[in-house]
N, C-alpha and C. Protein backbone atom coordinates (compact mmCIF):
# COMPACT_ATOMS: atom_id res chain seq x y z
N ARG A 1 -5.74 4.27 -4.53
CA ARG A 1 -4.32 4.55 -4.55
C ARG A 1 -3.80 4.74 -3.12
N ALA A 2 -4.55 5.46 -2.30
CA ALA A 2 -4.12 5.67 -0.91
C ALA A 2 -4.08 4.34 -0.16
N ARG A 3 -5.05 3.48 -0.45
CA ARG A 3 -5.09 2.17 0.22
C ARG A 3 -3.85 1.36 -0.15
N ALA A 4 -3.45 1.40 -1.41
CA ALA A 4 -2.29 0.61 -1.85
C ALA A 4 -0.98 1.18 -1.31
N ILE A 5 -0.82 2.48 -1.40
CA ILE A 5 0.46 3.07 -1.02
C ILE A 5 0.58 3.24 0.49
N TYR A 6 -0.32 4.04 1.08
CA TYR A 6 -0.22 4.33 2.51
C TYR A 6 -0.73 3.18 3.37
N GLY A 7 -1.74 2.47 2.89
CA GLY A 7 -2.25 1.32 3.63
C GLY A 7 -1.19 0.24 3.76
N SER A 8 -0.41 0.05 2.72
CA SER A 8 0.67 -0.95 2.77
C SER A 8 1.76 -0.53 3.75
N ARG A 9 2.06 0.77 3.77
CA ARG A 9 3.06 1.26 4.73
C ARG A 9 2.59 1.05 6.16
N ILE A 10 1.32 1.32 6.41
CA ILE A 10 0.76 1.12 7.75
C ILE A 10 0.75 -0.37 8.09
N TYR A 11 0.38 -1.20 7.14
CA TYR A 11 0.33 -2.65 7.36
C TYR A 11 1.70 -3.17 7.81
N ARG A 12 2.76 -2.68 7.19
CA ARG A 12 4.11 -3.14 7.52
C ARG A 12 4.58 -2.66 8.89
N LEU A 13 3.90 -1.67 9.47
CA LEU A 13 4.28 -1.17 10.79
C LEU A 13 3.95 -2.15 11.92
N GLN A 14 3.20 -3.20 11.63
CA GLN A 14 2.81 -4.15 12.66
C GLN A 14 4.02 -4.80 13.35
N SER A 15 5.13 -4.85 12.66
CA SER A 15 6.33 -5.44 13.26
C SER A 15 7.39 -4.39 13.56
N ALA A 16 7.00 -3.11 13.55
CA ALA A 16 7.96 -2.02 13.73
C ALA A 16 8.07 -1.60 15.20
N THR A 17 9.09 -0.82 15.47
CA THR A 17 9.29 -0.27 16.81
C THR A 17 8.41 0.97 16.98
N ALA A 18 8.31 1.45 18.22
CA ALA A 18 7.52 2.65 18.50
C ALA A 18 8.10 3.85 17.74
N ALA A 19 9.42 3.93 17.68
CA ALA A 19 10.06 5.04 16.96
C ALA A 19 9.73 5.00 15.46
N ALA A 20 9.70 3.80 14.90
CA ALA A 20 9.37 3.66 13.47
C ALA A 20 7.91 4.04 13.21
N ILE A 21 7.04 3.70 14.14
CA ILE A 21 5.63 4.08 14.01
C ILE A 21 5.50 5.59 13.99
N LEU A 22 6.24 6.27 14.84
CA LEU A 22 6.18 7.74 14.88
C LEU A 22 6.69 8.37 13.59
N THR A 23 7.68 7.75 12.95
CA THR A 23 8.19 8.33 11.70
C THR A 23 7.17 8.22 10.58
N GLU A 24 6.22 7.31 10.71
CA GLU A 24 5.20 7.11 9.67
C GLU A 24 3.86 7.74 10.06
N LYS A 25 3.86 8.69 11.00
CA LYS A 25 2.59 9.23 11.48
C LYS A 25 1.78 9.92 10.37
N ASN A 26 2.45 10.50 9.39
CA ASN A 26 1.73 11.14 8.29
C ASN A 26 1.01 10.13 7.40
N ALA A 27 1.48 8.91 7.36
CA ALA A 27 0.85 7.87 6.54
C ALA A 27 -0.58 7.61 7.02
N PHE A 28 -0.81 7.72 8.32
CA PHE A 28 -2.16 7.51 8.85
C PHE A 28 -3.12 8.57 8.31
N THR A 29 -2.70 9.83 8.38
CA THR A 29 -3.54 10.93 7.90
C THR A 29 -3.77 10.80 6.40
N LEU A 30 -2.73 10.53 5.65
CA LEU A 30 -2.86 10.41 4.20
C LEU A 30 -3.74 9.23 3.81
N PHE A 31 -3.61 8.13 4.54
CA PHE A 31 -4.45 6.96 4.25
C PHE A 31 -5.92 7.28 4.50
N ILE A 32 -6.23 7.80 5.67
CA ILE A 32 -7.63 8.06 6.03
C ILE A 32 -8.24 9.10 5.10
N SER A 33 -7.52 10.18 4.83
CA SER A 33 -8.08 11.23 3.96
C SER A 33 -8.20 10.79 2.51
N GLY A 34 -7.38 9.85 2.09
CA GLY A 34 -7.43 9.38 0.70
C GLY A 34 -8.38 8.22 0.48
N ALA A 35 -8.40 7.27 1.41
CA ALA A 35 -9.21 6.07 1.21
C ALA A 35 -10.63 6.20 1.74
N TYR A 36 -10.86 7.13 2.66
CA TYR A 36 -12.18 7.28 3.28
C TYR A 36 -12.65 8.73 3.16
N ARG A 37 -12.76 9.22 1.93
CA ARG A 37 -13.11 10.62 1.74
C ARG A 37 -14.57 10.86 1.39
N THR A 38 -15.31 9.84 1.04
CA THR A 38 -16.71 10.04 0.68
C THR A 38 -17.61 9.96 1.91
N GLY A 39 -18.79 10.54 1.78
CA GLY A 39 -19.72 10.64 2.91
C GLY A 39 -20.18 9.32 3.48
N ASP A 40 -20.31 8.30 2.65
CA ASP A 40 -20.83 7.01 3.12
C ASP A 40 -19.85 6.27 4.04
N VAL A 41 -18.58 6.66 4.05
CA VAL A 41 -17.60 5.98 4.90
C VAL A 41 -17.04 6.90 5.99
N LYS A 42 -17.68 8.02 6.22
CA LYS A 42 -17.21 8.96 7.24
C LYS A 42 -17.17 8.34 8.64
N PRO A 43 -18.15 7.49 9.02
CA PRO A 43 -18.06 6.87 10.36
C PRO A 43 -16.81 6.01 10.53
N ILE A 44 -16.43 5.29 9.48
CA ILE A 44 -15.22 4.47 9.54
C ILE A 44 -13.99 5.38 9.63
N ALA A 45 -14.00 6.47 8.88
CA ALA A 45 -12.88 7.42 8.92
C ALA A 45 -12.73 8.00 10.32
N LYS A 46 -13.84 8.32 10.94
CA LYS A 46 -13.80 8.87 12.30
C LYS A 46 -13.25 7.84 13.28
N GLN A 47 -13.66 6.59 13.13
CA GLN A 47 -13.16 5.52 13.99
C GLN A 47 -11.66 5.32 13.79
N LEU A 48 -11.22 5.31 12.54
CA LEU A 48 -9.80 5.12 12.24
C LEU A 48 -8.96 6.30 12.75
N THR A 49 -9.52 7.50 12.68
CA THR A 49 -8.80 8.67 13.19
C THR A 49 -8.57 8.53 14.69
N GLY A 50 -9.59 8.08 15.41
CA GLY A 50 -9.45 7.86 16.84
C GLY A 50 -8.42 6.80 17.17
N ILE A 51 -8.45 5.71 16.41
CA ILE A 51 -7.48 4.63 16.64
C ILE A 51 -6.07 5.12 16.34
N SER A 52 -5.91 5.88 15.25
CA SER A 52 -4.57 6.36 14.88
C SER A 52 -4.02 7.30 15.95
N LYS A 53 -4.89 8.12 16.55
CA LYS A 53 -4.43 8.99 17.64
C LYS A 53 -3.96 8.17 18.83
N SER A 54 -4.66 7.07 19.11
CA SER A 54 -4.26 6.18 20.21
C SER A 54 -2.92 5.51 19.91
N ILE A 55 -2.74 5.11 18.65
CA ILE A 55 -1.48 4.47 18.24
C ILE A 55 -0.32 5.43 18.45
N LEU A 56 -0.49 6.67 17.97
CA LEU A 56 0.59 7.64 18.06
C LEU A 56 0.86 8.06 19.50
N ALA A 57 -0.21 8.16 20.30
CA ALA A 57 -0.02 8.52 21.72
C ALA A 57 0.76 7.43 22.44
N ALA A 58 0.42 6.17 22.19
CA ALA A 58 1.14 5.06 22.82
C ALA A 58 2.59 5.02 22.35
N ALA A 59 2.82 5.26 21.06
CA ALA A 59 4.18 5.24 20.52
C ALA A 59 5.01 6.37 21.12
N GLU A 60 4.40 7.55 21.32
CA GLU A 60 5.12 8.68 21.90
C GLU A 60 5.53 8.40 23.35
N LYS A 61 4.70 7.64 24.06
CA LYS A 61 5.01 7.27 25.45
C LYS A 61 6.03 6.14 25.51
N GLY A 62 6.29 5.51 24.38
CA GLY A 62 7.22 4.39 24.35
C GLY A 62 6.54 3.06 24.63
N ASP A 63 5.21 3.05 24.66
CA ASP A 63 4.43 1.83 24.91
C ASP A 63 4.29 1.06 23.60
N GLU A 64 5.31 0.29 23.28
CA GLU A 64 5.33 -0.43 22.01
C GLU A 64 4.22 -1.48 21.93
N ALA A 65 3.96 -2.19 23.02
CA ALA A 65 2.92 -3.22 23.03
C ALA A 65 1.54 -2.59 22.82
N GLY A 66 1.30 -1.47 23.48
CA GLY A 66 0.01 -0.78 23.31
C GLY A 66 -0.17 -0.24 21.91
N ALA A 67 0.90 0.31 21.35
CA ALA A 67 0.85 0.84 19.98
C ALA A 67 0.58 -0.28 18.99
N LYS A 68 1.24 -1.41 19.17
CA LYS A 68 1.04 -2.54 18.25
C LYS A 68 -0.36 -3.13 18.37
N ALA A 69 -0.91 -3.15 19.59
CA ALA A 69 -2.27 -3.67 19.78
C ALA A 69 -3.27 -2.78 19.05
N LYS A 70 -3.11 -1.47 19.19
CA LYS A 70 -4.00 -0.53 18.49
C LYS A 70 -3.76 -0.59 16.98
N LEU A 71 -2.53 -0.81 16.59
CA LEU A 71 -2.22 -0.92 15.17
C LEU A 71 -2.90 -2.14 14.55
N SER A 72 -2.94 -3.24 15.29
CA SER A 72 -3.65 -4.43 14.81
C SER A 72 -5.13 -4.15 14.65
N GLU A 73 -5.69 -3.36 15.58
CA GLU A 73 -7.09 -2.97 15.47
C GLU A 73 -7.32 -2.10 14.24
N PHE A 74 -6.40 -1.16 14.00
CA PHE A 74 -6.49 -0.28 12.84
C PHE A 74 -6.48 -1.10 11.55
N VAL A 75 -5.56 -2.05 11.46
CA VAL A 75 -5.43 -2.90 10.27
C VAL A 75 -6.71 -3.71 10.06
N ALA A 76 -7.30 -4.20 11.14
CA ALA A 76 -8.53 -5.00 11.03
C ALA A 76 -9.71 -4.14 10.58
N VAL A 77 -9.87 -2.96 11.18
CA VAL A 77 -10.99 -2.09 10.82
C VAL A 77 -10.87 -1.61 9.38
N ALA A 78 -9.65 -1.24 8.99
CA ALA A 78 -9.43 -0.74 7.63
C ALA A 78 -9.30 -1.86 6.60
N LYS A 79 -9.20 -3.10 7.06
CA LYS A 79 -9.04 -4.27 6.17
C LYS A 79 -7.81 -4.09 5.27
N LEU A 80 -6.69 -3.81 5.91
CA LEU A 80 -5.45 -3.55 5.18
C LEU A 80 -4.71 -4.84 4.86
N SER A 81 -3.98 -4.78 3.76
CA SER A 81 -3.03 -5.83 3.39
C SER A 81 -1.92 -5.15 2.61
N GLU A 82 -0.90 -5.88 2.29
CA GLU A 82 0.24 -5.31 1.57
C GLU A 82 -0.06 -5.35 0.07
N LEU A 83 -0.48 -4.21 -0.47
CA LEU A 83 -0.89 -4.15 -1.88
C LEU A 83 0.16 -3.57 -2.80
N ASP A 84 1.09 -2.81 -2.26
CA ASP A 84 2.03 -2.13 -3.14
C ASP A 84 3.15 -3.01 -3.68
N LEU A 85 3.34 -4.17 -3.10
CA LEU A 85 4.40 -5.06 -3.58
C LEU A 85 3.86 -6.29 -4.30
N VAL A 86 2.58 -6.26 -4.69
CA VAL A 86 2.00 -7.35 -5.44
C VAL A 86 2.65 -7.38 -6.82
N SER A 87 3.20 -8.51 -7.19
CA SER A 87 3.89 -8.63 -8.46
C SER A 87 2.97 -8.27 -9.62
N GLY A 88 3.41 -7.34 -10.44
CA GLY A 88 2.62 -6.92 -11.59
C GLY A 88 1.56 -5.90 -11.25
N GLY A 89 1.48 -5.48 -10.01
CA GLY A 89 0.46 -4.52 -9.60
C GLY A 89 0.80 -3.11 -10.06
N ASN A 90 -0.22 -2.29 -10.18
CA ASN A 90 -0.02 -0.92 -10.64
C ASN A 90 0.73 -0.06 -9.64
N PHE A 91 0.74 -0.45 -8.36
CA PHE A 91 1.38 0.37 -7.35
C PHE A 91 2.72 -0.19 -6.89
N ASP A 92 3.20 -1.22 -7.54
CA ASP A 92 4.53 -1.74 -7.25
C ASP A 92 5.54 -0.72 -7.78
N PRO A 93 6.40 -0.17 -6.90
CA PRO A 93 7.33 0.86 -7.36
C PRO A 93 8.20 0.43 -8.54
N LYS A 94 8.46 -0.85 -8.66
CA LYS A 94 9.28 -1.33 -9.77
C LYS A 94 8.49 -1.37 -11.08
N GLN A 95 7.18 -1.26 -10.99
CA GLN A 95 6.33 -1.37 -12.16
C GLN A 95 5.73 -0.02 -12.59
N ARG A 96 6.09 1.06 -11.94
CA ARG A 96 5.46 2.35 -12.20
C ARG A 96 5.78 2.86 -13.60
N ARG A 97 4.76 3.44 -14.20
CA ARG A 97 4.90 4.08 -15.50
C ARG A 97 4.16 5.40 -15.46
N ASN A 98 4.14 6.11 -16.54
CA ASN A 98 3.43 7.38 -16.62
C ASN A 98 1.93 7.17 -16.43
N ALA A 99 1.28 8.23 -15.94
CA ALA A 99 -0.18 8.17 -15.79
C ALA A 99 -0.80 7.92 -17.16
N GLY A 100 -1.79 7.07 -17.19
CA GLY A 100 -2.47 6.75 -18.44
C GLY A 100 -1.81 5.62 -19.21
N ALA A 101 -0.69 5.14 -18.73
CA ALA A 101 -0.02 4.03 -19.41
C ALA A 101 -0.83 2.76 -19.21
N PRO A 102 -0.71 1.81 -20.10
CA PRO A 102 -1.45 0.55 -19.96
C PRO A 102 -1.03 -0.20 -18.70
N PRO A 103 -1.90 -1.04 -18.17
CA PRO A 103 -1.55 -1.82 -16.99
C PRO A 103 -0.38 -2.77 -17.27
N THR A 104 0.27 -3.20 -16.21
CA THR A 104 1.43 -4.07 -16.31
C THR A 104 1.12 -5.34 -17.09
N ALA A 105 -0.03 -5.94 -16.81
CA ALA A 105 -0.39 -7.19 -17.48
C ALA A 105 -0.45 -7.02 -19.00
N GLU A 106 -0.94 -5.87 -19.44
CA GLU A 106 -1.03 -5.62 -20.88
C GLU A 106 0.36 -5.49 -21.51
N ILE A 107 1.26 -4.81 -20.83
CA ILE A 107 2.63 -4.66 -21.33
C ILE A 107 3.31 -6.02 -21.40
N GLU A 108 3.15 -6.82 -20.33
CA GLU A 108 3.75 -8.15 -20.32
C GLU A 108 3.19 -9.03 -21.43
N ALA A 109 1.90 -8.90 -21.72
CA ALA A 109 1.30 -9.67 -22.80
C ALA A 109 1.88 -9.26 -24.16
N GLN A 110 2.10 -7.96 -24.35
CA GLN A 110 2.69 -7.49 -25.60
C GLN A 110 4.11 -8.01 -25.78
N VAL A 111 4.89 -7.99 -24.69
CA VAL A 111 6.27 -8.48 -24.75
C VAL A 111 6.26 -9.97 -25.09
N HIS A 112 5.39 -10.72 -24.42
CA HIS A 112 5.31 -12.15 -24.66
C HIS A 112 4.90 -12.43 -26.12
N ALA A 113 3.94 -11.68 -26.63
CA ALA A 113 3.48 -11.89 -28.00
C ALA A 113 4.58 -11.56 -29.01
N SER A 114 5.34 -10.50 -28.75
CA SER A 114 6.39 -10.14 -29.69
C SER A 114 7.52 -11.18 -29.68
N ARG A 115 7.78 -11.76 -28.51
CA ARG A 115 8.80 -12.81 -28.44
C ARG A 115 8.35 -14.06 -29.20
N GLN A 116 7.08 -14.38 -29.10
CA GLN A 116 6.56 -15.53 -29.84
C GLN A 116 6.62 -15.27 -31.33
N GLU A 117 6.32 -14.05 -31.73
CA GLU A 117 6.35 -13.68 -33.15
C GLU A 117 7.78 -13.79 -33.68
N ARG A 118 8.76 -13.32 -32.90
CA ARG A 118 10.15 -13.43 -33.31
C ARG A 118 10.57 -14.89 -33.42
N GLY A 119 10.07 -15.73 -32.53
CA GLY A 119 10.39 -17.16 -32.55
C GLY A 119 9.87 -17.82 -33.81
N ARG A 120 8.70 -17.38 -34.28
CA ARG A 120 8.14 -17.95 -35.51
C ARG A 120 8.90 -17.51 -36.74
N LYS A 121 9.50 -16.31 -36.66
CA LYS A 121 10.25 -15.80 -37.82
C LYS A 121 11.69 -16.34 -37.85
N GLY A 122 12.08 -17.02 -36.77
CA GLY A 122 13.41 -17.61 -36.74
C GLY A 122 14.48 -16.71 -36.18
N THR A 123 14.08 -15.57 -35.59
CA THR A 123 15.07 -14.69 -34.98
C THR A 123 15.07 -14.93 -33.49
N SER A 124 16.12 -14.45 -32.85
CA SER A 124 16.22 -14.66 -31.40
C SER A 124 16.23 -13.32 -30.70
N ASP A 125 16.11 -13.36 -29.36
CA ASP A 125 16.15 -12.15 -28.55
C ASP A 125 17.58 -11.65 -28.38
N ALA A 126 18.56 -12.50 -28.65
CA ALA A 126 19.96 -12.11 -28.45
C ALA A 126 20.39 -11.10 -29.51
N CYS A 127 21.32 -10.24 -29.13
CA CYS A 127 21.81 -9.22 -30.07
C CYS A 127 22.87 -9.78 -30.97
C-alpha cells in the first residue's frame, strides 16, 4: 500500500520543482517506513533514507538539478513506478471502496454480467 500511494507520489516528483519536493518530504518517510519495514530489506531502507536526506538537503538549498539527480537514484533503487493511477487498480482514488470490498475487476465483472443478463431478458439499462 505504501509503495502504491507514497511511491507514486515520489515517482511524480521527478518533474517537480525544488519547492514541490520539499512539500512532499513526509512522503519519503512514509514510503520507506511502510514499504521497507521487515528485517530482510533494512539495508535498502537505510540506503533510501540516506538518498532521501540528500534529496531534501539539495532541495532546501535550491539545487533543483542535484535534487532531481538524487531523486532519479531513489526511484531506481526503490524500483518505483506510478501505481496509484492504474486503471482498475485498488489504489486508484476513483476506485476506492471500503476495506474488505471485492477488487475492482470483480465488481466490473458483476456489472458486465448483469448487463448481459438484462439484454437476454429484453430489458435495457435506460430508465
